[in-house]
Amino acid sequence: MTGLLLFGAEGRMGREVAALAAQYGFTLGEKAEAAIDFSHPDALDAVLDAVLARGIPLVSGTTGYSLAQQQQIHAAAQRVPILRSANFSLGAAVMARLLAQAASSLPGWDGALIERHHAGKVDAPSGTAIALAQAMALPREGILSVRGGTVRGLHEAGFYGPEEHLTIVHCAESRAVFAHGALRAARWSIGRTAGLYGMEDLLETVI
């Protein structure tokens, strides 16, 4: 088994990762060869200190960092591999790739993005919605955020042209989807050279 350092272990995503870690050959503990962070921006200093001291890769799903904190992450990525993503679903990563292709292939078409999440989700738009909007060259004002019920996460992107339109939808049915992706990313990051990575880099070896 490979040691895994888990930040935010008591949170909802942290508990999902802990429950699935063994399926990917990980055991939680201080003697780690990789780290996963689903904590809070306020914990960034402690997270970076820990991974830099151990010289291990970091997989981060934490969002909401300030510009100064993002600069800290970029600096740390010069010493260890860091894979950051607002969404660790492989389906969402493929969706971003498809949206970028559609945006370049359909110049002049109007774009829109609707994202739906459960009533308890604080950020609106979500980090995933912002990333998808960037992929489709859509300004933030083109995102419609809906909050209600127990929806785990649904993103619907549309391109509207003359006499036709194209819609691409991704639906996450449980938080386990994101935990699987983060653990897969942690396995992938071990042995990588220092640098800043994203899910698109992981896709190159999966698809």
N, C-alpha and C. Protein backbone atom coordinates (compact mmCIF):
# COMPACT_ATOMS: atom_id res chain seq x y z
N MET A 1 0.84 -1.20 0.00
CA MET A 1 0.00 0.00 0.00
C MET A 1 0.88 1.26 0.00
N THR A 2 0.38 2.31 -0.63
CA THR A 2 1.09 3.58 -0.73
C THR A 2 0.49 4.57 0.25
N GLY A 3 1.33 5.26 0.99
CA GLY A 3 0.87 6.23 1.98
C GLY A 3 0.25 7.45 1.31
N LEU A 4 -0.85 7.94 1.88
CA LEU A 4 -1.55 9.12 1.37
C LEU A 4 -1.82 10.09 2.50
N LEU A 5 -1.45 11.35 2.29
CA LEU A 5 -1.73 12.41 3.24
C LEU A 5 -3.00 13.11 2.77
N LEU A 6 -4.03 13.14 3.62
CA LEU A 6 -5.33 13.67 3.23
C LEU A 6 -5.68 14.89 4.08
N PHE A 7 -5.84 16.03 3.41
CA PHE A 7 -6.25 17.26 4.08
C PHE A 7 -7.75 17.46 3.88
N GLY A 8 -8.44 17.85 4.95
CA GLY A 8 -9.89 17.98 4.88
C GLY A 8 -10.57 16.64 5.03
N ALA A 9 -9.94 15.73 5.77
CA ALA A 9 -10.44 14.36 5.91
C ALA A 9 -11.80 14.30 6.59
N GLU A 10 -12.16 15.31 7.37
CA GLU A 10 -13.43 15.30 8.09
C GLU A 10 -14.57 15.90 7.26
N GLY A 11 -14.25 16.50 6.13
CA GLY A 11 -15.29 17.07 5.28
C GLY A 11 -15.97 16.02 4.44
N ARG A 12 -17.01 16.43 3.69
CA ARG A 12 -17.77 15.48 2.89
C ARG A 12 -16.92 14.81 1.83
N MET A 13 -16.11 15.60 1.12
CA MET A 13 -15.25 15.00 0.10
C MET A 13 -14.12 14.21 0.72
N GLY A 14 -13.59 14.69 1.83
CA GLY A 14 -12.52 13.96 2.51
C GLY A 14 -12.97 12.58 2.94
N ARG A 15 -14.19 12.49 3.44
CA ARG A 15 -14.70 11.18 3.87
C ARG A 15 -14.89 10.24 2.68
N GLU A 16 -15.31 10.78 1.55
CA GLU A 16 -15.45 9.96 0.35
C GLU A 16 -14.09 9.41 -0.09
N VAL A 17 -13.07 10.28 -0.08
CA VAL A 17 -11.73 9.85 -0.48
C VAL A 17 -11.22 8.78 0.47
N ALA A 18 -11.39 8.99 1.76
CA ALA A 18 -10.91 8.02 2.75
C ALA A 18 -11.57 6.66 2.56
N ALA A 19 -12.86 6.66 2.24
CA ALA A 19 -13.60 5.41 2.09
C ALA A 19 -13.16 4.62 0.86
N LEU A 20 -12.65 5.31 -0.15
CA LEU A 20 -12.28 4.66 -1.42
C LEU A 20 -10.78 4.47 -1.59
N ALA A 21 -9.98 5.02 -0.69
CA ALA A 21 -8.52 5.05 -0.86
C ALA A 21 -7.92 3.67 -1.10
N ALA A 22 -8.37 2.69 -0.36
CA ALA A 22 -7.79 1.35 -0.47
C ALA A 22 -7.98 0.75 -1.86
N GLN A 23 -9.04 1.13 -2.56
CA GLN A 23 -9.27 0.62 -3.91
C GLN A 23 -8.16 1.04 -4.88
N TYR A 24 -7.47 2.12 -4.52
CA TYR A 24 -6.39 2.63 -5.38
C TYR A 24 -5.02 2.34 -4.78
N GLY A 25 -4.98 1.47 -3.78
CA GLY A 25 -3.72 1.07 -3.19
C GLY A 25 -3.16 2.06 -2.20
N PHE A 26 -4.02 2.94 -1.64
CA PHE A 26 -3.56 3.94 -0.68
C PHE A 26 -3.98 3.58 0.73
N THR A 27 -3.14 3.96 1.67
CA THR A 27 -3.49 3.91 3.08
C THR A 27 -3.18 5.28 3.68
N LEU A 28 -4.07 5.80 4.50
CA LEU A 28 -3.90 7.13 5.06
C LEU A 28 -2.85 7.11 6.16
N GLY A 29 -1.97 8.11 6.14
CA GLY A 29 -0.94 8.17 7.16
C GLY A 29 0.08 9.23 6.86
N GLU A 30 0.94 9.50 7.81
CA GLU A 30 1.95 10.54 7.70
C GLU A 30 3.07 10.17 6.72
N LYS A 31 3.40 8.86 6.64
CA LYS A 31 4.46 8.42 5.72
C LYS A 31 3.85 8.28 4.33
N ALA A 32 3.74 9.43 3.66
CA ALA A 32 2.97 9.48 2.42
C ALA A 32 3.85 9.71 1.20
N GLU A 33 3.37 9.21 0.08
CA GLU A 33 4.02 9.45 -1.21
C GLU A 33 3.20 10.37 -2.10
N ALA A 34 2.02 10.78 -1.62
CA ALA A 34 1.17 11.72 -2.34
C ALA A 34 0.21 12.35 -1.34
N ALA A 35 -0.37 13.49 -1.72
CA ALA A 35 -1.32 14.17 -0.85
C ALA A 35 -2.53 14.62 -1.66
N ILE A 36 -3.68 14.60 -1.01
CA ILE A 36 -4.93 15.11 -1.60
C ILE A 36 -5.48 16.15 -0.64
N ASP A 37 -5.93 17.28 -1.20
CA ASP A 37 -6.43 18.38 -0.38
C ASP A 37 -7.86 18.75 -0.78
N PHE A 38 -8.79 18.53 0.14
CA PHE A 38 -10.16 19.02 0.00
C PHE A 38 -10.49 19.78 1.27
N SER A 39 -9.68 20.77 1.60
CA SER A 39 -9.87 21.48 2.86
C SER A 39 -10.47 22.87 2.62
N HIS A 40 -9.68 23.92 2.88
CA HIS A 40 -10.16 25.30 2.82
C HIS A 40 -8.98 26.18 2.43
N PRO A 41 -9.22 27.29 1.72
CA PRO A 41 -8.10 28.16 1.34
C PRO A 41 -7.25 28.60 2.53
N ASP A 42 -7.86 28.74 3.71
CA ASP A 42 -7.10 29.17 4.88
C ASP A 42 -6.03 28.15 5.29
N ALA A 43 -6.15 26.91 4.81
CA ALA A 43 -5.20 25.86 5.18
C ALA A 43 -4.04 25.76 4.20
N LEU A 44 -3.99 26.65 3.21
CA LEU A 44 -2.99 26.50 2.15
C LEU A 44 -1.56 26.46 2.67
N ASP A 45 -1.20 27.34 3.58
CA ASP A 45 0.18 27.37 4.08
C ASP A 45 0.57 26.02 4.68
N ALA A 46 -0.32 25.45 5.49
CA ALA A 46 -0.03 24.17 6.12
C ALA A 46 0.07 23.05 5.09
N VAL A 47 -0.80 23.10 4.08
CA VAL A 47 -0.78 22.07 3.03
C VAL A 47 0.53 22.13 2.25
N LEU A 48 0.91 23.32 1.82
CA LEU A 48 2.14 23.45 1.03
C LEU A 48 3.37 23.12 1.86
N ASP A 49 3.38 23.54 3.11
CA ASP A 49 4.52 23.21 3.99
C ASP A 49 4.69 21.70 4.09
N ALA A 50 3.58 20.99 4.22
CA ALA A 50 3.65 19.54 4.39
C ALA A 50 4.15 18.83 3.15
N VAL A 51 3.64 19.20 1.97
CA VAL A 51 4.05 18.50 0.76
C VAL A 51 5.47 18.88 0.35
N LEU A 52 5.85 20.13 0.57
CA LEU A 52 7.20 20.55 0.22
C LEU A 52 8.23 19.91 1.15
N ALA A 53 7.89 19.77 2.42
CA ALA A 53 8.81 19.14 3.37
C ALA A 53 9.04 17.68 3.02
N ARG A 54 8.01 17.03 2.49
CA ARG A 54 8.11 15.61 2.13
C ARG A 54 8.53 15.40 0.68
N GLY A 55 8.43 16.45 -0.13
CA GLY A 55 8.77 16.32 -1.54
C GLY A 55 7.80 15.44 -2.31
N ILE A 56 6.50 15.51 -1.94
CA ILE A 56 5.51 14.63 -2.56
C ILE A 56 4.52 15.44 -3.41
N PRO A 57 3.89 14.82 -4.39
CA PRO A 57 2.92 15.53 -5.23
C PRO A 57 1.63 15.85 -4.47
N LEU A 58 0.96 16.90 -4.93
CA LEU A 58 -0.28 17.35 -4.31
C LEU A 58 -1.39 17.36 -5.35
N VAL A 59 -2.52 16.78 -4.99
CA VAL A 59 -3.74 16.85 -5.79
C VAL A 59 -4.71 17.73 -5.01
N SER A 60 -5.10 18.87 -5.59
CA SER A 60 -5.90 19.84 -4.85
C SER A 60 -7.25 20.07 -5.51
N GLY A 61 -8.31 19.87 -4.72
CA GLY A 61 -9.66 20.16 -5.18
C GLY A 61 -10.23 21.37 -4.46
N THR A 62 -9.42 22.05 -3.68
CA THR A 62 -9.87 23.23 -2.95
C THR A 62 -9.99 24.41 -3.90
N THR A 63 -11.06 25.18 -3.79
CA THR A 63 -11.26 26.34 -4.64
C THR A 63 -11.39 27.59 -3.77
N GLY A 64 -11.49 28.75 -4.42
CA GLY A 64 -11.67 30.00 -3.70
C GLY A 64 -10.39 30.67 -3.29
N TYR A 65 -9.26 30.30 -3.90
CA TYR A 65 -7.98 30.91 -3.54
C TYR A 65 -7.90 32.35 -4.05
N SER A 66 -7.22 33.20 -3.28
CA SER A 66 -6.94 34.57 -3.71
C SER A 66 -5.82 34.55 -4.75
N LEU A 67 -5.61 35.66 -5.40
CA LEU A 67 -4.54 35.77 -6.39
C LEU A 67 -3.19 35.48 -5.74
N ALA A 68 -2.97 36.01 -4.54
CA ALA A 68 -1.71 35.79 -3.84
C ALA A 68 -1.52 34.30 -3.54
N GLN A 69 -2.58 33.62 -3.15
CA GLN A 69 -2.49 32.19 -2.86
C GLN A 69 -2.23 31.39 -4.13
N GLN A 70 -2.84 31.80 -5.24
CA GLN A 70 -2.56 31.12 -6.50
C GLN A 70 -1.09 31.26 -6.89
N GLN A 71 -0.51 32.41 -6.58
CA GLN A 71 0.92 32.62 -6.85
C GLN A 71 1.76 31.70 -5.97
N GLN A 72 1.32 31.48 -4.73
CA GLN A 72 2.02 30.54 -3.84
C GLN A 72 2.02 29.14 -4.44
N ILE A 73 0.87 28.74 -4.98
CA ILE A 73 0.75 27.41 -5.57
C ILE A 73 1.66 27.28 -6.77
N HIS A 74 1.69 28.31 -7.61
CA HIS A 74 2.57 28.28 -8.78
C HIS A 74 4.03 28.16 -8.36
N ALA A 75 4.40 28.87 -7.31
CA ALA A 75 5.79 28.79 -6.82
C ALA A 75 6.11 27.40 -6.29
N ALA A 76 5.17 26.81 -5.55
CA ALA A 76 5.39 25.46 -5.01
C ALA A 76 5.48 24.43 -6.13
N ALA A 77 4.76 24.66 -7.22
CA ALA A 77 4.77 23.72 -8.34
C ALA A 77 6.11 23.67 -9.07
N GLN A 78 6.99 24.60 -8.76
CA GLN A 78 8.34 24.53 -9.31
C GLN A 78 9.18 23.50 -8.58
N ARG A 79 8.67 23.01 -7.43
CA ARG A 79 9.43 22.06 -6.63
C ARG A 79 8.79 20.67 -6.56
N VAL A 80 7.46 20.62 -6.64
CA VAL A 80 6.74 19.33 -6.61
C VAL A 80 5.61 19.37 -7.62
N PRO A 81 5.14 18.21 -8.08
CA PRO A 81 3.98 18.19 -8.98
C PRO A 81 2.71 18.59 -8.22
N ILE A 82 1.92 19.48 -8.80
CA ILE A 82 0.64 19.87 -8.22
C ILE A 82 -0.43 19.78 -9.31
N LEU A 83 -1.43 18.96 -9.06
CA LEU A 83 -2.55 18.84 -9.99
C LEU A 83 -3.76 19.48 -9.33
N ARG A 84 -4.27 20.54 -9.96
CA ARG A 84 -5.43 21.26 -9.44
C ARG A 84 -6.62 21.10 -10.36
N SER A 85 -7.80 20.97 -9.78
CA SER A 85 -9.02 20.93 -10.57
C SER A 85 -10.21 21.29 -9.69
N ALA A 86 -11.17 21.99 -10.29
CA ALA A 86 -12.42 22.28 -9.59
C ALA A 86 -13.36 21.08 -9.65
N ASN A 87 -13.05 20.13 -10.52
CA ASN A 87 -13.92 18.96 -10.70
C ASN A 87 -13.06 17.78 -11.15
N PHE A 88 -13.09 16.69 -10.40
CA PHE A 88 -12.25 15.53 -10.72
C PHE A 88 -13.00 14.45 -11.49
N SER A 89 -14.17 14.76 -11.98
CA SER A 89 -14.91 13.83 -12.82
C SER A 89 -14.26 13.74 -14.20
N LEU A 90 -14.02 12.50 -14.66
CA LEU A 90 -13.47 12.33 -16.02
C LEU A 90 -14.46 12.83 -17.06
N GLY A 91 -15.76 12.63 -16.79
CA GLY A 91 -16.77 13.09 -17.72
C GLY A 91 -16.76 14.59 -17.88
N ALA A 92 -16.60 15.32 -16.77
CA ALA A 92 -16.55 16.77 -16.83
C ALA A 92 -15.29 17.24 -17.57
N ALA A 93 -14.19 16.53 -17.38
CA ALA A 93 -12.95 16.88 -18.08
C ALA A 93 -13.11 16.69 -19.59
N VAL A 94 -13.76 15.60 -19.98
CA VAL A 94 -14.01 15.38 -21.41
C VAL A 94 -14.96 16.44 -21.94
N MET A 95 -15.95 16.83 -21.13
CA MET A 95 -16.88 17.88 -21.55
C MET A 95 -16.14 19.18 -21.84
N ALA A 96 -15.19 19.54 -20.99
CA ALA A 96 -14.42 20.77 -21.22
C ALA A 96 -13.68 20.69 -22.55
N ARG A 97 -13.13 19.53 -22.86
CA ARG A 97 -12.42 19.35 -24.13
C ARG A 97 -13.38 19.50 -25.31
N LEU A 98 -14.56 18.92 -25.19
CA LEU A 98 -15.55 19.00 -26.26
C LEU A 98 -16.04 20.44 -26.45
N LEU A 99 -16.21 21.16 -25.35
CA LEU A 99 -16.67 22.54 -25.45
C LEU A 99 -15.65 23.43 -26.15
N ALA A 100 -14.38 23.22 -25.85
CA ALA A 100 -13.34 23.99 -26.52
C ALA A 100 -13.35 23.73 -28.02
N GLN A 101 -13.54 22.46 -28.38
CA GLN A 101 -13.59 22.10 -29.80
C GLN A 101 -14.81 22.71 -30.47
N ALA A 102 -15.96 22.65 -29.79
CA ALA A 102 -17.19 23.20 -30.36
C ALA A 102 -17.08 24.71 -30.53
N ALA A 103 -16.50 25.39 -29.54
CA ALA A 103 -16.37 26.85 -29.62
C ALA A 103 -15.52 27.28 -30.81
N SER A 104 -14.45 26.53 -31.08
CA SER A 104 -13.59 26.88 -32.22
C SER A 104 -14.20 26.49 -33.55
N SER A 105 -15.10 25.49 -33.54
CA SER A 105 -15.71 25.00 -34.78
C SER A 105 -16.99 25.72 -35.14
N LEU A 106 -17.55 26.48 -34.18
CA LEU A 106 -18.84 27.14 -34.41
C LEU A 106 -18.72 28.64 -34.15
N PRO A 107 -17.86 29.34 -34.88
CA PRO A 107 -17.71 30.78 -34.66
C PRO A 107 -19.01 31.51 -34.97
N GLY A 108 -19.32 32.50 -34.14
CA GLY A 108 -20.52 33.28 -34.37
C GLY A 108 -21.76 32.74 -33.70
N TRP A 109 -21.70 31.50 -33.18
CA TRP A 109 -22.85 30.94 -32.48
C TRP A 109 -22.91 31.53 -31.06
N ASP A 110 -24.12 31.64 -30.52
CA ASP A 110 -24.29 32.14 -29.16
C ASP A 110 -24.13 30.99 -28.17
N GLY A 111 -23.46 31.26 -27.06
CA GLY A 111 -23.24 30.23 -26.06
C GLY A 111 -23.93 30.56 -24.74
N ALA A 112 -24.27 29.55 -24.00
CA ALA A 112 -24.86 29.72 -22.67
C ALA A 112 -24.54 28.48 -21.83
N LEU A 113 -24.48 28.68 -20.52
CA LEU A 113 -24.18 27.57 -19.61
C LEU A 113 -25.09 27.65 -18.39
N ILE A 114 -25.79 26.55 -18.12
CA ILE A 114 -26.63 26.46 -16.93
C ILE A 114 -26.01 25.43 -15.99
N GLU A 115 -25.82 25.79 -14.73
CA GLU A 115 -25.29 24.84 -13.76
C GLU A 115 -26.25 24.73 -12.59
N ARG A 116 -26.53 23.49 -12.17
CA ARG A 116 -27.47 23.22 -11.09
C ARG A 116 -26.77 22.43 -9.98
N HIS A 117 -26.94 22.90 -8.75
CA HIS A 117 -26.37 22.20 -7.59
C HIS A 117 -27.36 22.23 -6.43
N HIS A 118 -27.07 21.42 -5.43
CA HIS A 118 -27.92 21.32 -4.25
C HIS A 118 -28.02 22.65 -3.50
N ALA A 119 -29.04 22.77 -2.69
CA ALA A 119 -29.32 24.03 -2.00
C ALA A 119 -28.20 24.46 -1.06
N GLY A 120 -27.40 23.52 -0.59
CA GLY A 120 -26.34 23.85 0.36
C GLY A 120 -25.05 24.35 -0.26
N LYS A 121 -24.95 24.35 -1.58
CA LYS A 121 -23.71 24.78 -2.23
C LYS A 121 -23.61 26.31 -2.18
N VAL A 122 -22.51 26.80 -1.64
CA VAL A 122 -22.38 28.23 -1.38
C VAL A 122 -21.95 29.00 -2.63
N ASP A 123 -20.90 28.54 -3.31
CA ASP A 123 -20.38 29.32 -4.43
C ASP A 123 -21.29 29.23 -5.65
N ALA A 124 -21.50 30.38 -6.29
CA ALA A 124 -22.31 30.44 -7.50
C ALA A 124 -21.78 31.59 -8.37
N PRO A 125 -21.30 31.30 -9.57
CA PRO A 125 -21.25 29.97 -10.18
C PRO A 125 -20.19 29.08 -9.54
N SER A 126 -20.32 27.80 -9.79
CA SER A 126 -19.36 26.83 -9.24
C SER A 126 -18.02 26.95 -9.95
N GLY A 127 -17.00 26.39 -9.32
CA GLY A 127 -15.68 26.40 -9.97
C GLY A 127 -15.70 25.63 -11.27
N THR A 128 -16.48 24.55 -11.32
CA THR A 128 -16.59 23.76 -12.54
C THR A 128 -17.24 24.58 -13.65
N ALA A 129 -18.30 25.31 -13.30
CA ALA A 129 -18.98 26.13 -14.30
C ALA A 129 -18.05 27.19 -14.88
N ILE A 130 -17.25 27.79 -14.03
CA ILE A 130 -16.31 28.82 -14.49
C ILE A 130 -15.29 28.20 -15.45
N ALA A 131 -14.78 27.01 -15.10
CA ALA A 131 -13.81 26.33 -15.97
C ALA A 131 -14.43 25.95 -17.30
N LEU A 132 -15.67 25.46 -17.29
CA LEU A 132 -16.34 25.08 -18.53
C LEU A 132 -16.62 26.31 -19.39
N ALA A 133 -17.00 27.41 -18.74
CA ALA A 133 -17.25 28.65 -19.49
C ALA A 133 -15.97 29.13 -20.17
N GLN A 134 -14.85 29.01 -19.47
CA GLN A 134 -13.57 29.40 -20.07
C GLN A 134 -13.25 28.53 -21.28
N ALA A 135 -13.57 27.24 -21.17
CA ALA A 135 -13.31 26.32 -22.29
C ALA A 135 -14.12 26.69 -23.52
N MET A 136 -15.34 27.19 -23.32
CA MET A 136 -16.19 27.53 -24.45
C MET A 136 -16.14 29.02 -24.79
N ALA A 137 -15.14 29.72 -24.21
CA ALA A 137 -14.93 31.15 -24.49
C ALA A 137 -16.18 31.96 -24.17
N LEU A 138 -16.81 31.64 -23.04
CA LEU A 138 -18.04 32.30 -22.61
C LEU A 138 -17.75 33.20 -21.43
N PRO A 139 -18.19 34.46 -21.46
CA PRO A 139 -17.96 35.33 -20.29
C PRO A 139 -18.75 34.84 -19.09
N ARG A 140 -18.31 35.21 -17.92
CA ARG A 140 -18.95 34.74 -16.69
C ARG A 140 -20.43 35.11 -16.63
N GLU A 141 -20.78 36.22 -17.29
CA GLU A 141 -22.17 36.67 -17.30
C GLU A 141 -23.07 35.70 -18.06
N GLY A 142 -22.47 34.81 -18.83
CA GLY A 142 -23.25 33.84 -19.60
C GLY A 142 -23.60 32.58 -18.83
N ILE A 143 -23.25 32.54 -17.53
CA ILE A 143 -23.54 31.38 -16.68
C ILE A 143 -24.79 31.64 -15.86
N LEU A 144 -25.72 30.72 -15.88
CA LEU A 144 -26.90 30.78 -15.03
C LEU A 144 -26.76 29.72 -13.95
N SER A 145 -26.79 30.14 -12.68
CA SER A 145 -26.64 29.22 -11.55
C SER A 145 -27.98 28.95 -10.89
N VAL A 146 -28.27 27.69 -10.67
CA VAL A 146 -29.51 27.27 -10.00
C VAL A 146 -29.13 26.48 -8.75
N ARG A 147 -29.73 26.82 -7.61
CA ARG A 147 -29.47 26.12 -6.36
C ARG A 147 -30.79 25.62 -5.77
N GLY A 148 -30.85 24.33 -5.49
CA GLY A 148 -32.07 23.80 -4.90
C GLY A 148 -32.02 22.30 -4.72
N GLY A 149 -32.78 21.81 -3.76
CA GLY A 149 -32.91 20.37 -3.56
C GLY A 149 -31.60 19.68 -3.23
N THR A 150 -31.41 18.49 -3.82
CA THR A 150 -30.25 17.66 -3.52
C THR A 150 -29.42 17.34 -4.76
N VAL A 151 -29.53 18.17 -5.78
CA VAL A 151 -28.79 17.93 -7.03
C VAL A 151 -27.30 17.92 -6.75
N ARG A 152 -26.60 16.84 -7.13
CA ARG A 152 -25.16 16.75 -6.89
C ARG A 152 -24.38 17.70 -7.79
N GLY A 153 -24.77 17.77 -9.03
CA GLY A 153 -24.07 18.65 -9.96
C GLY A 153 -24.47 18.36 -11.40
N LEU A 154 -25.05 19.34 -12.07
CA LEU A 154 -25.43 19.18 -13.47
C LEU A 154 -25.03 20.43 -14.23
N HIS A 155 -24.31 20.23 -15.33
CA HIS A 155 -23.86 21.35 -16.17
C HIS A 155 -24.36 21.13 -17.60
N GLU A 156 -25.05 22.12 -18.12
CA GLU A 156 -25.62 22.04 -19.46
C GLU A 156 -25.11 23.22 -20.29
N ALA A 157 -24.32 22.93 -21.30
CA ALA A 157 -23.76 23.96 -22.17
C ALA A 157 -24.46 23.92 -23.52
N GLY A 158 -24.81 25.09 -24.03
CA GLY A 158 -25.49 25.15 -25.31
C GLY A 158 -24.83 26.12 -26.27
N PHE A 159 -24.80 25.72 -27.54
CA PHE A 159 -24.35 26.59 -28.63
C PHE A 159 -25.53 26.77 -29.57
N TYR A 160 -25.89 28.02 -29.84
CA TYR A 160 -27.11 28.31 -30.60
C TYR A 160 -26.77 29.04 -31.89
N GLY A 161 -27.05 28.37 -33.01
CA GLY A 161 -26.78 28.93 -34.32
C GLY A 161 -28.06 29.07 -35.13
N PRO A 162 -27.94 29.47 -36.40
CA PRO A 162 -29.12 29.61 -37.25
C PRO A 162 -29.76 28.26 -37.56
N GLU A 163 -31.00 28.10 -37.16
CA GLU A 163 -31.79 26.90 -37.46
C GLU A 163 -31.32 25.63 -36.76
N GLU A 164 -30.39 25.72 -35.81
CA GLU A 164 -29.93 24.53 -35.10
C GLU A 164 -29.22 24.93 -33.81
N HIS A 165 -29.12 24.00 -32.91
CA HIS A 165 -28.34 24.24 -31.71
C HIS A 165 -27.72 22.93 -31.22
N LEU A 166 -26.66 23.06 -30.45
CA LEU A 166 -25.93 21.92 -29.90
C LEU A 166 -25.92 22.04 -28.38
N THR A 167 -26.29 20.94 -27.69
CA THR A 167 -26.30 20.93 -26.24
C THR A 167 -25.43 19.78 -25.73
N ILE A 168 -24.57 20.08 -24.76
CA ILE A 168 -23.72 19.08 -24.13
C ILE A 168 -23.99 19.13 -22.63
N VAL A 169 -24.30 17.97 -22.04
CA VAL A 169 -24.71 17.92 -20.64
C VAL A 169 -23.85 16.92 -19.87
N HIS A 170 -23.47 17.30 -18.66
CA HIS A 170 -22.81 16.35 -17.75
C HIS A 170 -23.53 16.36 -16.43
N CYS A 171 -23.80 15.17 -15.90
CA CYS A 171 -24.48 15.04 -14.61
C CYS A 171 -23.66 14.15 -13.69
N ALA A 172 -23.32 14.67 -12.52
CA ALA A 172 -22.64 13.87 -11.49
C ALA A 172 -23.70 13.29 -10.57
N GLU A 173 -23.72 11.97 -10.41
CA GLU A 173 -24.77 11.32 -9.65
C GLU A 173 -24.41 11.08 -8.18
N SER A 174 -23.14 11.25 -7.84
CA SER A 174 -22.73 11.11 -6.44
C SER A 174 -21.37 11.76 -6.25
N ARG A 175 -21.02 12.05 -4.99
CA ARG A 175 -19.71 12.62 -4.69
C ARG A 175 -18.60 11.60 -4.94
N ALA A 176 -18.94 10.33 -4.95
CA ALA A 176 -17.92 9.31 -5.18
C ALA A 176 -17.21 9.51 -6.50
N VAL A 177 -17.91 10.07 -7.49
CA VAL A 177 -17.30 10.35 -8.80
C VAL A 177 -16.05 11.20 -8.63
N PHE A 178 -16.15 12.23 -7.80
CA PHE A 178 -15.03 13.15 -7.61
C PHE A 178 -13.90 12.51 -6.78
N ALA A 179 -14.28 11.68 -5.81
CA ALA A 179 -13.27 10.98 -5.01
C ALA A 179 -12.48 10.00 -5.88
N HIS A 180 -13.17 9.25 -6.74
CA HIS A 180 -12.47 8.35 -7.66
C HIS A 180 -11.48 9.13 -8.52
N GLY A 181 -11.92 10.26 -9.04
CA GLY A 181 -11.04 11.05 -9.90
C GLY A 181 -9.83 11.58 -9.17
N ALA A 182 -10.03 12.04 -7.93
CA ALA A 182 -8.90 12.58 -7.15
C ALA A 182 -7.89 11.49 -6.82
N LEU A 183 -8.39 10.31 -6.47
CA LEU A 183 -7.48 9.20 -6.16
C LEU A 183 -6.75 8.72 -7.41
N ARG A 184 -7.44 8.70 -8.53
CA ARG A 184 -6.78 8.35 -9.79
C ARG A 184 -5.69 9.38 -10.12
N ALA A 185 -6.00 10.65 -9.85
CA ALA A 185 -5.02 11.70 -10.10
C ALA A 185 -3.81 11.57 -9.18
N ALA A 186 -4.06 11.16 -7.93
CA ALA A 186 -2.95 10.98 -6.98
C ALA A 186 -2.02 9.87 -7.44
N ARG A 187 -2.59 8.75 -7.91
CA ARG A 187 -1.76 7.67 -8.45
C ARG A 187 -0.94 8.17 -9.63
N TRP A 188 -1.59 8.93 -10.50
CA TRP A 188 -0.95 9.44 -11.72
C TRP A 188 0.20 10.39 -11.39
N SER A 189 0.05 11.17 -10.33
CA SER A 189 1.02 12.23 -10.02
C SER A 189 2.32 11.70 -9.42
N ILE A 190 2.31 10.51 -8.86
CA ILE A 190 3.52 9.95 -8.24
C ILE A 190 4.58 9.70 -9.31
N GLY A 191 5.74 10.26 -9.11
CA GLY A 191 6.84 10.09 -10.07
C GLY A 191 6.88 11.13 -11.17
N ARG A 192 5.90 12.04 -11.20
CA ARG A 192 5.91 13.10 -12.22
C ARG A 192 6.95 14.16 -11.87
N THR A 193 7.38 14.88 -12.89
CA THR A 193 8.28 16.00 -12.64
C THR A 193 7.50 17.16 -12.05
N ALA A 194 8.19 18.06 -11.37
CA ALA A 194 7.53 19.22 -10.77
C ALA A 194 6.83 20.03 -11.86
N GLY A 195 5.70 20.62 -11.49
CA GLY A 195 4.95 21.42 -12.44
C GLY A 195 3.50 21.51 -12.02
N LEU A 196 2.75 22.37 -12.70
CA LEU A 196 1.34 22.55 -12.42
C LEU A 196 0.54 21.79 -13.48
N TYR A 197 -0.32 20.88 -13.04
CA TYR A 197 -1.08 20.02 -13.94
C TYR A 197 -2.58 20.20 -13.73
N GLY A 198 -3.35 19.68 -14.70
CA GLY A 198 -4.80 19.70 -14.60
C GLY A 198 -5.36 18.37 -15.07
N MET A 199 -6.66 18.24 -15.04
CA MET A 199 -7.30 16.99 -15.45
C MET A 199 -7.05 16.69 -16.92
N GLU A 200 -6.82 17.71 -17.72
CA GLU A 200 -6.55 17.46 -19.14
C GLU A 200 -5.26 16.66 -19.33
N ASP A 201 -4.31 16.84 -18.39
CA ASP A 201 -3.07 16.05 -18.47
C ASP A 201 -3.34 14.60 -18.12
N LEU A 202 -4.20 14.37 -17.13
CA LEU A 202 -4.57 13.00 -16.77
C LEU A 202 -5.31 12.32 -17.91
N LEU A 203 -6.14 13.07 -18.62
CA LEU A 203 -6.90 12.49 -19.74
C LEU A 203 -6.01 11.91 -20.81
N GLU A 204 -4.85 12.51 -20.99
CA GLU A 204 -3.95 12.04 -22.05
C GLU A 204 -3.52 10.59 -21.83
N THR A 205 -3.54 10.14 -20.57
CA THR A 205 -3.13 8.76 -20.28
C THR A 205 -4.32 7.85 -20.05
N VAL A 206 -5.53 8.43 -19.95
CA VAL A 206 -6.73 7.63 -19.70
C VAL A 206 -7.46 7.33 -20.99
N ILE A 207 -7.53 8.32 -21.88
CA ILE A 207 -8.30 8.18 -23.12
C ILE A 207 -7.38 7.97 -24.30
